[in-house]
Protein backbone atom coordinates (compact mmCIF):
# COMPACT_ATOMS: atom_id res chain seq x y z
CA MET A 1 34.14 85.67 74.76
CA ASP A 2 33.82 83.40 77.78
CA SER A 3 32.56 79.81 77.56
CA ALA A 4 28.93 80.76 78.28
CA GLU A 5 28.95 83.33 75.47
CA ARG A 6 30.57 80.88 73.05
CA ARG A 7 27.85 78.31 73.77
CA ILE A 8 25.16 80.90 73.08
CA VAL A 9 26.85 81.87 69.81
CA ALA A 10 27.12 78.20 68.77
CA PHE A 11 23.46 77.57 69.63
CA THR A 12 22.15 80.60 67.74
CA ALA A 13 24.47 80.18 64.74
CA GLY A 14 23.40 76.54 64.38
CA SER A 15 19.73 77.47 64.67
CA HIS A 16 20.18 80.28 62.14
CA GLY A 17 21.78 77.92 59.65
CA LEU A 18 18.88 75.48 59.99
CA VAL A 19 16.26 78.18 59.40
CA HIS A 20 17.84 78.94 56.03
CA THR A 21 18.51 75.27 55.27
CA TYR A 22 14.80 74.56 55.49
CA GLU A 23 13.92 77.80 53.68
CA LEU A 24 16.04 76.93 50.65
CA SER A 25 15.43 73.18 50.62
CA ILE A 26 11.83 73.88 49.64
CA PRO A 27 12.73 75.07 46.09
CA ILE A 28 14.81 71.91 45.60
CA LEU A 29 11.90 69.72 46.69
CA LEU A 30 9.50 71.63 44.43
CA THR A 31 11.10 69.97 41.41
CA VAL A 32 10.04 66.58 42.79
CA TRP A 33 6.60 67.63 44.00
CA ILE A 34 5.47 68.69 40.52
CA ALA A 35 5.53 65.07 39.40
CA GLU A 36 4.60 63.56 42.76
CA PHE A 37 1.37 65.51 43.09
CA SER A 38 0.66 65.86 39.34
CA THR A 39 0.40 69.62 39.59
CA THR A 40 1.85 72.75 38.04
CA ALA A 41 4.67 75.09 38.96
CA ALA A 42 2.11 77.88 39.44
CA THR A 43 0.20 75.87 42.04
CA LEU A 44 3.33 74.87 43.90
CA GLY A 45 4.50 78.47 43.73
CA LEU A 46 1.32 79.45 45.56
CA VAL A 47 1.94 76.70 48.14
CA SER A 48 5.49 77.92 48.81
CA THR A 49 4.31 81.54 48.93
CA ILE A 50 2.13 80.61 51.90
CA GLY A 51 5.17 79.47 53.88
CA TYR A 52 7.44 82.31 52.81
CA GLY A 53 4.75 84.90 53.45
CA LEU A 54 4.18 83.63 56.98
CA PHE A 55 7.97 83.54 57.46
CA GLY A 56 8.09 87.31 56.94
CA VAL A 57 4.82 88.40 58.51
CA GLY A 58 5.34 86.30 61.64
CA ALA A 59 8.54 88.14 62.60
CA LEU A 60 6.71 91.00 64.31
CA PRO A 61 4.45 88.88 66.56
CA GLY A 62 7.50 86.68 67.09
CA GLY A 63 9.40 89.67 68.46
CA ILE A 64 6.52 90.48 70.80
CA VAL A 65 6.51 86.93 72.13
CA VAL A 66 10.29 87.05 72.66
CA ASP A 67 10.04 90.20 74.77
CA ARG A 68 7.43 88.56 76.96
CA PHE A 69 8.67 84.99 77.33
CA GLY A 70 12.40 85.10 76.60
CA SER A 71 14.60 84.04 73.71
CA LYS A 72 15.68 80.51 74.59
CA PRO A 73 12.20 78.92 74.87
CA VAL A 74 11.16 80.63 71.64
CA ILE A 75 14.23 79.32 69.76
CA LEU A 76 13.63 75.79 71.09
CA ALA A 77 9.99 76.02 70.03
CA CYS A 78 11.13 77.24 66.61
CA LEU A 79 13.45 74.23 66.16
CA ALA A 80 10.76 71.81 67.31
CA GLY A 81 8.22 73.42 65.01
CA MET A 82 10.49 73.32 61.96
CA ALA A 83 11.34 69.67 62.59
CA GLY A 84 7.67 68.83 63.07
CA SER A 85 6.69 70.67 59.90
CA PHE A 86 9.14 68.65 57.79
CA LEU A 87 7.85 65.46 59.37
CA LEU A 88 4.41 66.57 58.17
CA VAL A 89 5.90 67.26 54.74
CA SER A 90 7.33 63.73 54.61
CA VAL A 91 3.90 62.15 55.12
CA ALA A 92 1.77 64.71 53.22
CA PRO A 93 -0.76 62.72 51.13
CA ASN A 94 -1.94 65.64 48.99
CA LEU A 95 -1.33 69.29 48.14
CA LEU A 96 -3.59 70.60 50.88
CA ALA A 97 -1.62 68.72 53.53
CA LEU A 98 1.64 69.87 51.95
CA ALA A 99 0.49 73.51 52.03
CA LEU A 100 -0.47 73.11 55.69
CA ALA A 101 2.94 71.62 56.54
CA ILE A 102 4.84 74.41 54.77
CA GLY A 103 2.60 76.95 56.49
CA VAL A 104 3.58 75.43 59.85
CA TRP A 105 7.23 75.84 58.84
CA GLY A 106 6.67 79.51 57.97
CA VAL A 107 4.97 80.30 61.29
CA THR A 108 7.53 78.52 63.45
CA ALA A 109 10.59 79.74 61.50
CA SER A 110 9.37 83.35 61.58
CA VAL A 111 10.11 83.75 65.29
CA TYR A 112 13.77 82.80 65.00
CA HIS A 113 15.41 86.08 63.95
CA PRO A 114 13.83 88.23 66.69
CA ALA A 115 14.66 85.53 69.27
CA GLY A 116 18.21 84.72 68.19
CA LEU A 117 19.30 88.29 67.54
CA SER A 118 17.72 89.58 70.75
CA LEU A 119 19.57 86.92 72.75
CA LEU A 120 22.93 87.67 71.13
CA SER A 121 22.60 91.43 71.44
CA LYS A 122 21.86 91.21 75.18
CA SER A 123 24.14 88.39 76.29
CA VAL A 124 27.47 88.74 74.44
CA ALA A 125 29.84 91.62 75.16
CA GLN A 126 31.53 91.42 71.73
CA ARG A 127 28.23 91.99 69.99
CA GLY A 128 29.54 92.61 66.47
CA THR A 129 31.77 89.53 66.46
CA ALA A 130 28.91 87.39 67.78
CA LEU A 131 26.56 88.69 65.08
CA GLY A 132 29.24 87.94 62.48
CA TYR A 133 29.53 84.31 63.59
CA HIS A 134 25.74 84.12 63.69
CA GLY A 135 25.63 85.35 60.10
CA ILE A 136 28.25 82.80 59.07
CA GLY A 137 25.95 80.07 60.38
CA GLY A 138 23.13 81.49 58.29
CA ASN A 139 25.27 81.68 55.15
CA LEU A 140 26.41 78.09 55.57
CA GLY A 141 22.77 77.06 55.75
CA ILE A 142 21.95 79.17 52.68
CA ALA A 143 24.77 77.67 50.61
CA LEU A 144 25.11 74.11 51.91
CA GLY A 145 21.52 73.28 52.87
CA PRO A 146 20.14 73.15 49.32
CA LEU A 147 23.27 71.34 48.14
CA ALA A 148 22.83 68.66 50.81
CA THR A 149 19.14 68.28 49.92
CA ALA A 150 19.95 67.88 46.22
CA LEU A 151 22.63 65.27 46.93
CA LEU A 152 20.32 63.29 49.23
CA LEU A 153 17.65 63.24 46.53
CA LEU A 154 20.09 61.45 44.24
CA ALA A 155 20.05 58.45 46.58
CA PHE A 156 16.77 58.55 48.51
CA ASP A 157 13.06 59.12 48.01
CA TRP A 158 11.98 62.68 48.75
CA ARG A 159 9.88 61.60 51.73
CA ILE A 160 12.94 60.04 53.36
CA VAL A 161 14.93 63.18 52.61
CA ALA A 162 12.27 65.42 54.20
CA ALA A 163 12.21 63.22 57.30
CA ALA A 164 16.02 63.16 57.47
CA LEU A 165 16.12 66.96 57.43
CA THR A 166 14.43 66.97 60.85
CA LEU A 167 17.43 65.33 62.53
CA PRO A 168 19.74 68.40 62.61
CA ALA A 169 17.01 70.41 64.35
CA VAL A 170 16.71 67.72 67.01
CA VAL A 171 20.49 67.78 67.57
CA VAL A 172 20.73 71.58 67.79
CA GLY A 173 17.64 71.70 70.02
CA ALA A 174 19.15 69.13 72.38
CA TYR A 175 22.34 71.17 72.56
CA GLY A 176 20.39 74.39 73.11
CA ALA A 177 18.52 72.86 76.03
CA THR A 178 21.87 72.58 77.85
CA VAL A 179 22.90 76.21 77.19
CA ASP A 180 22.57 78.45 80.23
CA VAL A 181 21.50 81.80 78.79
CA ASP A 182 20.51 83.24 82.17
CA ALA A 183 24.13 83.25 83.39
CA ALA A 184 25.21 85.40 80.46
CA LEU A 185 22.19 87.69 80.75
CA ALA A 186 22.97 88.29 84.42
CA ASP A 187 26.59 89.24 83.66
CA PRO A 188 27.09 93.01 83.97
CA ALA A 189 29.77 92.77 81.27
CA ALA A 190 27.16 91.67 78.73
CA ALA A 191 26.49 93.78 75.67
CA ASP A 192 24.17 96.37 77.16
CA GLY A 193 23.68 95.37 80.73
CA GLY A 194 21.78 92.16 79.96
CA GLY A 195 19.25 92.02 82.75
CA GLU A 196 19.33 95.72 83.62
CA ARG A 197 16.08 97.59 83.65
CA GLY A 198 15.51 100.09 80.87
CA ASP A 199 14.45 102.84 83.26
CA GLY A 200 17.98 103.82 84.21
CA SER A 201 17.50 102.76 87.82
CA GLY A 202 20.37 100.31 87.65
CA GLU A 203 18.24 97.74 89.46
CA ARG A 204 18.60 94.33 87.89
CA GLU A 205 15.48 92.46 86.87
CA PRO A 206 15.37 88.67 87.03
CA ALA A 207 17.05 87.12 84.01
CA THR A 208 14.97 84.20 82.87
CA SER A 209 15.51 82.49 79.56
CA GLY A 210 16.31 85.70 77.78
CA SER A 211 15.06 88.50 80.07
CA ALA A 212 11.36 87.71 79.65
CA LYS A 213 8.63 90.04 80.86
CA GLY A 214 5.91 87.41 81.02
CA GLU A 215 3.00 89.57 79.78
CA VAL A 216 1.46 90.13 76.36
CA SER A 217 -1.18 92.78 75.65
CA LEU A 218 -1.99 95.39 73.06
CA SER A 219 -1.04 98.12 75.53
CA THR A 220 2.44 96.69 76.17
CA VAL A 221 3.01 96.30 72.42
CA ALA A 222 1.92 99.90 71.90
CA ASP A 223 4.16 101.06 74.76
CA ASP A 224 7.20 99.28 73.34
CA THR A 225 6.49 100.68 69.89
CA ARG A 226 6.24 104.22 71.27
CA VAL A 227 9.57 103.76 73.05
CA LEU A 228 11.17 102.68 69.77
CA LEU A 229 9.68 105.54 67.76
CA ALA A 230 10.71 108.10 70.37
CA GLY A 231 14.33 107.12 69.81
CA GLY A 232 14.13 107.47 66.04
CA PHE A 233 13.77 103.76 65.26
CA LEU A 234 11.64 104.65 62.24
CA ILE A 235 14.83 105.80 60.50
CA VAL A 236 16.49 102.49 61.35
CA PHE A 237 13.44 100.71 59.93
CA ALA A 238 13.81 102.71 56.70
CA PHE A 239 17.41 101.55 56.39
CA VAL A 240 16.69 97.85 56.97
CA THR A 241 13.87 98.03 54.43
CA PHE A 242 16.24 99.38 51.77
CA SER A 243 18.79 96.68 52.63
CA GLY A 244 16.08 94.01 52.36
CA LEU A 245 14.95 95.36 48.98
CA TYR A 246 18.53 95.27 47.69
CA TYR A 247 19.02 91.71 48.98
CA ARG A 248 15.86 90.28 47.40
CA THR A 249 16.09 92.31 44.16
CA PHE A 250 19.69 91.21 43.62
CA LEU A 251 19.38 87.52 44.50
CA THR A 252 15.99 86.54 43.06
CA PHE A 253 16.96 86.38 39.39
CA LEU A 254 20.72 86.20 39.89
CA PRO A 255 21.06 82.57 38.65
CA ASP A 256 19.40 83.51 35.36
CA LEU A 257 21.50 86.66 35.02
CA LEU A 258 24.68 84.70 35.72
CA GLY A 259 23.65 82.09 33.15
CA ASP A 260 23.11 84.74 30.48
CA VAL A 261 26.49 86.34 31.11
CA LEU A 262 28.59 83.22 31.69
CA GLY A 263 27.15 81.51 28.62
CA GLY A 264 28.85 84.11 26.46
CA LEU A 265 32.08 84.30 28.44
CA ILE A 266 33.20 80.75 29.18
CA ASP A 267 32.64 77.24 27.90
CA VAL A 268 32.98 74.69 30.71
CA GLN A 269 32.91 71.03 29.69
CA LEU A 270 33.28 69.15 32.96
CA ILE A 271 30.45 66.77 32.05
CA ASP A 272 30.39 64.49 29.03
CA PRO A 273 27.74 65.90 26.64
CA GLU A 274 26.38 62.37 26.25
CA SER A 275 26.02 61.90 30.02
CA PRO A 276 22.47 61.84 31.44
CA TYR A 277 23.67 64.55 33.88
CA ALA A 278 24.74 66.91 31.10
CA GLU A 279 21.41 68.75 31.01
CA GLU A 280 21.50 69.24 34.79
CA PHE A 281 24.96 70.80 34.85
CA ASP A 282 24.78 74.57 34.82
CA VAL A 283 27.91 76.52 35.74
CA ALA A 284 25.73 79.50 36.71
CA ARG A 285 24.26 77.51 39.60
CA TYR A 286 27.71 76.89 41.01
CA MET A 287 28.67 80.51 40.52
CA TYR A 288 25.52 81.43 42.46
CA VAL A 289 26.54 79.08 45.29
CA ALA A 290 30.03 80.64 45.23
CA ILE A 291 28.57 84.14 45.66
CA LEU A 292 26.51 82.92 48.63
CA THR A 293 29.49 81.09 50.10
CA VAL A 294 31.90 84.05 50.03
CA GLY A 295 29.22 85.82 52.06
CA VAL A 296 30.68 83.89 55.00
CA PHE A 297 33.74 86.17 54.82
CA GLY A 298 31.45 89.18 54.58
CA GLN A 299 29.60 88.16 57.73
CA TYR A 300 32.88 87.82 59.63
CA LEU A 301 34.16 91.13 58.27
CA GLY A 302 30.94 92.92 59.19
CA GLY A 303 31.09 91.57 62.72
CA ARG A 304 34.66 92.73 63.21
CA ILE A 305 33.86 96.18 61.84
CA ALA A 306 30.86 96.49 64.19
CA ASP A 307 33.15 95.96 67.17
CA ARG A 308 35.58 98.67 66.03
CA MET A 309 33.37 101.54 64.93
CA PRO A 310 29.75 102.70 65.23
CA PRO A 311 27.88 100.22 62.98
CA GLU A 312 25.73 102.89 61.34
CA ARG A 313 28.88 104.58 60.03
CA GLY A 314 30.08 101.29 58.62
CA LEU A 315 26.73 100.95 56.86
CA ILE A 316 27.18 104.30 55.12
CA VAL A 317 30.43 102.98 53.62
CA LEU A 318 29.05 99.53 52.75
CA MET A 319 25.90 100.83 51.04
CA SER A 320 28.09 103.24 49.05
CA VAL A 321 30.26 100.29 48.01
CA LEU A 322 27.14 98.34 46.96
CA THR A 323 26.06 101.34 44.88
CA GLY A 324 29.36 101.30 43.01
CA LEU A 325 29.38 97.53 42.53
CA ALA A 326 25.85 97.60 41.10
CA LEU A 327 26.97 100.19 38.56
CA LEU A 328 30.00 98.03 37.66
CA PHE A 329 28.16 94.70 37.27
CA VAL A 330 27.04 95.04 33.66
CA PRO A 331 30.24 96.71 32.36
CA ALA A 332 32.28 94.00 34.10
CA SER A 333 30.52 91.31 32.07
CA GLY A 334 32.85 92.04 29.17
CA GLY A 335 35.53 89.70 30.55
CA PRO A 336 35.55 86.63 32.80
CA ALA A 337 38.16 87.97 35.25
CA THR A 338 36.46 91.33 35.88
CA PHE A 339 33.04 89.68 36.06
CA LEU A 340 34.28 87.16 38.63
CA VAL A 341 35.83 89.90 40.78
CA VAL A 342 32.76 92.13 40.74
CA SER A 343 30.33 89.24 41.35
CA LEU A 344 32.25 87.84 44.32
CA SER A 345 32.80 91.35 45.69
CA LEU A 346 29.03 91.85 45.60
CA GLY A 347 28.58 88.63 47.56
CA ILE A 348 31.05 89.74 50.22
CA ALA A 349 29.70 93.30 50.52
CA LEU A 350 26.05 92.20 50.54
CA PHE A 351 26.56 89.96 53.54
CA THR A 352 28.95 92.34 55.33
CA VAL A 353 25.92 94.59 55.72
CA GLN A 354 23.97 92.08 57.82
CA PRO A 355 25.90 92.05 61.12
CA LEU A 356 26.36 95.82 60.88
CA SER A 357 22.62 96.24 60.34
CA GLN A 358 21.79 93.95 63.26
CA ALA A 359 24.26 95.76 65.53
CA THR A 360 22.63 99.06 64.55
CA VAL A 361 19.17 97.75 65.46
CA ALA A 362 20.52 96.61 68.83
CA ALA A 363 22.24 99.96 69.45
CA TYR A 364 19.10 101.99 68.68
CA SER A 365 16.58 99.93 70.65
CA PRO A 366 16.23 99.56 74.43
CA SER A 367 16.96 96.17 75.96
CA GLU A 368 13.37 95.66 77.15
CA ALA A 369 12.04 96.15 73.59
CA ARG A 370 14.82 94.29 71.77
CA GLY A 371 12.60 91.42 70.58
CA ILE A 372 9.95 93.66 69.04
CA SER A 373 12.67 95.82 67.48
CA PHE A 374 14.02 92.81 65.60
CA GLY A 375 10.44 91.82 64.81
CA TYR A 376 9.91 95.13 63.04
CA THR A 377 13.34 94.76 61.44
CA TYR A 378 12.58 91.42 59.81
CA LEU A 379 9.10 92.53 58.87
CA GLY A 380 10.92 95.19 56.84
CA ILE A 381 13.65 92.90 55.50
CA PHE A 382 11.56 89.83 54.63
CA GLY A 383 8.12 91.43 54.38
CA VAL A 384 8.58 94.74 52.56
CA GLY A 385 11.84 93.46 51.09
CA SER A 386 10.00 90.61 49.38
CA PHE A 387 8.65 93.15 46.88
CA GLY A 388 12.17 93.20 45.49
CA ALA A 389 11.39 89.96 43.65
CA ALA A 390 8.46 91.56 41.84
CA LEU A 391 10.51 94.69 41.21
CA ALA A 392 13.36 92.68 39.66
CA GLY A 393 10.99 90.66 37.50
CA THR A 394 9.19 93.77 36.26
CA VAL A 395 12.39 95.63 35.38
CA LEU A 396 13.88 92.61 33.60
CA THR A 397 10.65 92.07 31.64
CA ARG A 398 10.16 95.68 30.59
CA ALA A 399 13.82 96.70 30.26
CA GLY A 400 16.89 94.56 30.98
CA PRO A 401 19.85 93.81 33.28
CA ARG A 402 21.45 97.23 32.82
CA GLU A 403 18.32 98.97 34.08
CA LEU A 404 17.94 96.46 36.91
CA PHE A 405 21.40 97.26 38.26
CA LEU A 406 20.70 100.98 37.94
CA VAL A 407 17.67 100.40 40.16
CA LEU A 408 19.86 98.44 42.59
CA ALA A 409 22.35 101.30 42.68
CA GLY A 410 19.51 103.68 43.51
CA ILE A 411 18.27 101.43 46.33
CA ALA A 412 21.78 101.19 47.80
CA ALA A 413 22.23 104.97 47.58
CA LEU A 414 18.97 105.48 49.49
CA GLY A 415 20.25 102.95 52.02
CA ALA A 416 23.46 104.95 52.48
CA LEU A 417 21.43 108.14 52.99
CA SER A 418 19.15 106.47 55.54
CA ALA A 419 22.19 105.09 57.42
CA ALA A 420 23.57 108.64 57.53
CA ALA A 421 20.21 109.83 58.85
CA VAL A 422 20.36 107.21 61.61
CA SER A 423 23.76 108.51 62.66
CA ARG A 424 22.56 112.12 62.58
CA PHE A 425 19.01 112.04 63.95
CA ALA A 426 18.35 108.80 65.88
CA THR A 427 19.20 108.28 69.55
CA ARG A 428 21.41 105.40 70.68
CA GLN A 429 19.84 103.32 73.44
CA ASP A 430 22.82 101.29 74.64
């Protein structure tokens, strides 16, 4: 990568990490809000659902906006909106204001993935490696963001913590304002021609803040969608939906599952039983963080693989591996060593899928419709994939962990088949 590409990767990776930092700081703050607003977990669950729902649903219109106005201004607006939303959180006088503030976060955060991934896929020649680093930024936000929020709450009032969380967005936004994305987009060595027209003419269109078109209408959205469908993007959408279902089904109740297994395997006494912190110490939480953290290595691995082989072929292998690991999870719980190996392997494999999946979306969508393609992608991953939480809860309630991991194995197998269908029937666009 040259210096311009590295700056773009740093900007998008930092922004990606902040999106997930804010996303997962909300559950930490919920524990404080129950007492602060004298309410119930059910009510606060509804409040958070508003933000998370908008986070998923907003990805598609976000992708449309990216294709029309460019990636960089959309990412900067996203950072400003997330910072502003947490400022609103810090001064929220009641639940209605809190719900409004979290809703603002959901709307503004929803545009990030189409914007960031579109920019990377069109401006960096080593696309897979760039997507891997981008994923590492996201995983660091997933793992370290909630930890930082929890530690800050030990020393400061929650309103101060919410206000302090706005500062990283200001810093990354200021850095992003100095990043020249147009230079990379105008470089003919960029991933798929950067500013080249999608009509095969070879004539270069003006590269402005992410190859913007500057027009939004129902007809242009319909045209871009038809272009995607003509190339077999529906098969790609099927794959990303299965990967999103696996992700949400696996992670939603994982802390509880880990607690049930680890409680019978090991007895960790790092905290004095008489200490006031004894009730708060749960080794399963730290195991959960470890699984998310090793995902950093998975992101890097996935990026490297995407630069060395067609990403859809890598996905066939990875989804097959996830099928096998799901089948091994419950049998591995018989011993601490095997359980640790299988759990951490799941964390690595799960996040290795992400850069490969993103590279596949980029490969099977034309440059001029890249934003909307990632909009549809994250509608599938976060929108349809969100049903994985309900699926996991239902299976655990009516059956148990063994049946849940059989369901996960089935989802992964369907993902492997859909990845194979992409390779066989869809048409590459780059």
